[in-house]
Amino acid sequence: MDKNKPIPIDENEWKKNLTPEQYAVLRQKGTEPPFTGKYVHEEKDGTYNCVACGNPLFASDAKFDSATGWPSFDRALPGSVREIEDNSGGMHRIEVICNRCGSHLGHIFNDGPTQTGMRYCLNSVCLDLEEKK
Protein backbone atom coordinates (compact mmCIF):
# COMPACT_ATOMS: atom_id res chain seq x y z
CA MET A 1 0.00 0.00 0.00
CA ASP A 2 1.44 3.40 -1.00
CA LYS A 3 1.67 5.49 2.15
CA ASN A 4 1.80 8.70 0.12
CA LYS A 5 -1.41 7.99 -1.78
CA PRO A 6 -4.42 9.53 -0.02
CA ILE A 7 -7.28 7.19 0.73
CA PRO A 8 -10.74 8.27 -0.39
CA ILE A 9 -13.00 7.88 2.66
CA ASP A 10 -15.81 10.27 3.46
CA GLU A 11 -16.71 11.43 6.97
CA ASN A 12 -19.68 9.06 7.27
CA GLU A 13 -17.36 6.10 6.70
CA TRP A 14 -14.91 7.47 9.28
CA LYS A 15 -17.77 7.70 11.81
CA LYS A 16 -18.67 4.06 11.15
CA ASN A 17 -15.07 2.76 11.28
CA LEU A 18 -13.74 4.70 14.29
CA THR A 19 -14.83 4.72 17.92
CA PRO A 20 -16.40 7.99 19.09
CA GLU A 21 -13.15 8.90 20.92
CA GLN A 22 -11.02 8.11 17.87
CA TYR A 23 -13.33 10.13 15.63
CA ALA A 24 -13.25 13.13 18.00
CA VAL A 25 -9.44 13.21 17.99
CA LEU A 26 -8.53 11.98 14.51
CA ARG A 27 -11.22 13.71 12.47
CA GLN A 28 -12.30 16.64 14.69
CA LYS A 29 -8.82 17.53 15.98
CA GLY A 30 -9.56 16.79 19.61
CA THR A 31 -7.10 15.86 22.34
CA GLU A 32 -7.28 13.01 24.79
CA PRO A 33 -6.74 13.93 28.45
CA PRO A 34 -3.09 13.73 29.56
CA PHE A 35 -1.85 10.51 31.19
CA THR A 36 -4.92 8.55 30.02
CA GLY A 37 -3.65 7.08 26.73
CA LYS A 38 -2.51 3.47 26.55
CA TYR A 39 0.85 4.30 24.95
CA VAL A 40 2.05 7.02 27.35
CA HIS A 41 4.37 4.61 29.17
CA GLU A 42 4.63 1.88 26.51
CA GLU A 43 8.15 0.51 26.05
CA LYS A 44 7.65 -2.40 23.64
CA ASP A 45 9.58 -2.46 20.36
CA GLY A 46 7.74 -2.03 17.11
CA THR A 47 6.13 0.49 14.80
CA TYR A 48 3.37 2.91 15.71
CA ASN A 49 0.82 3.02 12.89
CA CYS A 50 -2.11 5.33 12.22
CA VAL A 51 -5.12 3.62 13.78
CA ALA A 52 -7.37 5.00 11.03
CA CYS A 53 -5.50 3.79 7.95
CA GLY A 54 -2.56 1.64 9.08
CA ASN A 55 0.12 4.03 7.78
CA PRO A 56 3.45 3.40 9.61
CA LEU A 57 4.26 6.64 11.47
CA PHE A 58 6.92 6.25 14.18
CA ALA A 59 9.47 3.63 15.19
CA SER A 60 9.58 2.71 18.88
CA ASP A 61 13.25 3.75 19.07
CA ALA A 62 12.12 7.36 18.45
CA LYS A 63 9.83 7.31 21.52
CA PHE A 64 10.81 8.99 24.77
CA ASP A 65 9.17 9.96 28.06
CA SER A 66 8.42 13.67 27.86
CA ALA A 67 6.52 13.73 31.21
CA THR A 68 3.73 15.63 29.41
CA GLY A 69 1.12 12.88 29.55
CA TRP A 70 1.16 12.00 25.86
CA PRO A 71 3.37 9.62 23.85
CA SER A 72 6.30 11.59 22.46
CA PHE A 73 8.68 10.86 19.60
CA ASP A 74 11.73 12.74 18.33
CA ARG A 75 11.28 11.85 14.65
CA ALA A 76 8.69 10.44 12.29
CA LEU A 77 9.27 7.79 9.66
CA PRO A 78 10.21 9.52 6.37
CA GLY A 79 7.16 10.68 4.42
CA SER A 80 4.68 9.40 7.01
CA VAL A 81 3.32 12.68 8.39
CA ARG A 82 2.64 16.23 7.30
CA GLU A 83 3.07 19.31 9.45
CA ILE A 84 0.68 22.23 9.06
CA GLU A 85 0.25 25.53 10.87
CA ASP A 86 -2.37 25.52 13.61
CA ASN A 87 -3.44 28.84 15.09
CA SER A 88 -6.51 27.49 16.90
CA GLY A 89 -7.19 28.21 20.54
CA GLY A 90 -5.18 31.42 20.48
CA MET A 91 -1.91 29.51 20.14
CA HIS A 92 0.57 29.09 17.33
CA ARG A 93 1.48 25.42 16.95
CA ILE A 94 2.35 22.94 14.25
CA GLU A 95 -0.21 20.19 13.79
CA VAL A 96 0.92 16.69 12.82
CA ILE A 97 -1.38 14.77 10.48
CA CYS A 98 -1.14 11.38 8.82
CA ASN A 99 0.21 11.85 5.32
CA ARG A 100 -2.03 9.08 4.02
CA CYS A 101 -5.49 9.73 5.48
CA GLY A 102 -5.14 13.31 6.73
CA SER A 103 -6.13 12.41 10.29
CA HIS A 104 -5.04 14.62 13.19
CA LEU A 105 -2.39 12.95 15.34
CA GLY A 106 -1.14 15.71 17.63
CA HIS A 107 1.39 18.55 17.50
CA ILE A 108 5.14 18.97 17.13
CA PHE A 109 7.29 21.20 19.33
CA ASN A 110 10.98 22.10 19.17
CA ASP A 111 11.67 21.42 22.85
CA GLY A 112 12.63 17.75 22.69
CA PRO A 113 15.56 16.47 24.76
CA THR A 114 17.19 14.35 22.05
CA GLN A 115 19.61 15.31 19.30
CA THR A 116 16.75 16.18 16.92
CA GLY A 117 15.36 18.75 19.38
CA MET A 118 11.85 17.74 18.29
CA ARG A 119 8.91 16.44 20.33
CA TYR A 120 6.05 14.93 18.37
CA CYS A 121 3.35 15.02 21.04
CA LEU A 122 0.67 12.52 19.98
CA ASN A 123 -2.61 11.11 21.15
CA SER A 124 -2.50 7.38 22.00
CA VAL A 125 -5.97 6.94 20.53
CA CYS A 126 -4.50 7.77 17.09
CA LEU A 127 -1.90 5.03 17.27
CA ASP A 128 -1.74 1.27 16.94
CA LEU A 129 1.50 -0.40 18.03
CA GLU A 130 2.59 -3.21 15.73
CA GLU A 131 4.99 -5.09 17.96
CA LYS A 132 8.29 -6.31 16.58
CA LYS A 133 8.33 -10.09 16.30
Foldseek 3Di string as FASTA:
>chain_A
DDQQAADDDDPVVLPVVADPVLCCCFVVVDADDAQPAPCQPDQFFFFKAFPRPRQTWAGSVQWDRPVPRFIKGLDIDPPQWDWDWDCPPNDTFIWIAGSHHRTTFATKDQCDPDPSSIIGGGHNSRIDGDGDD
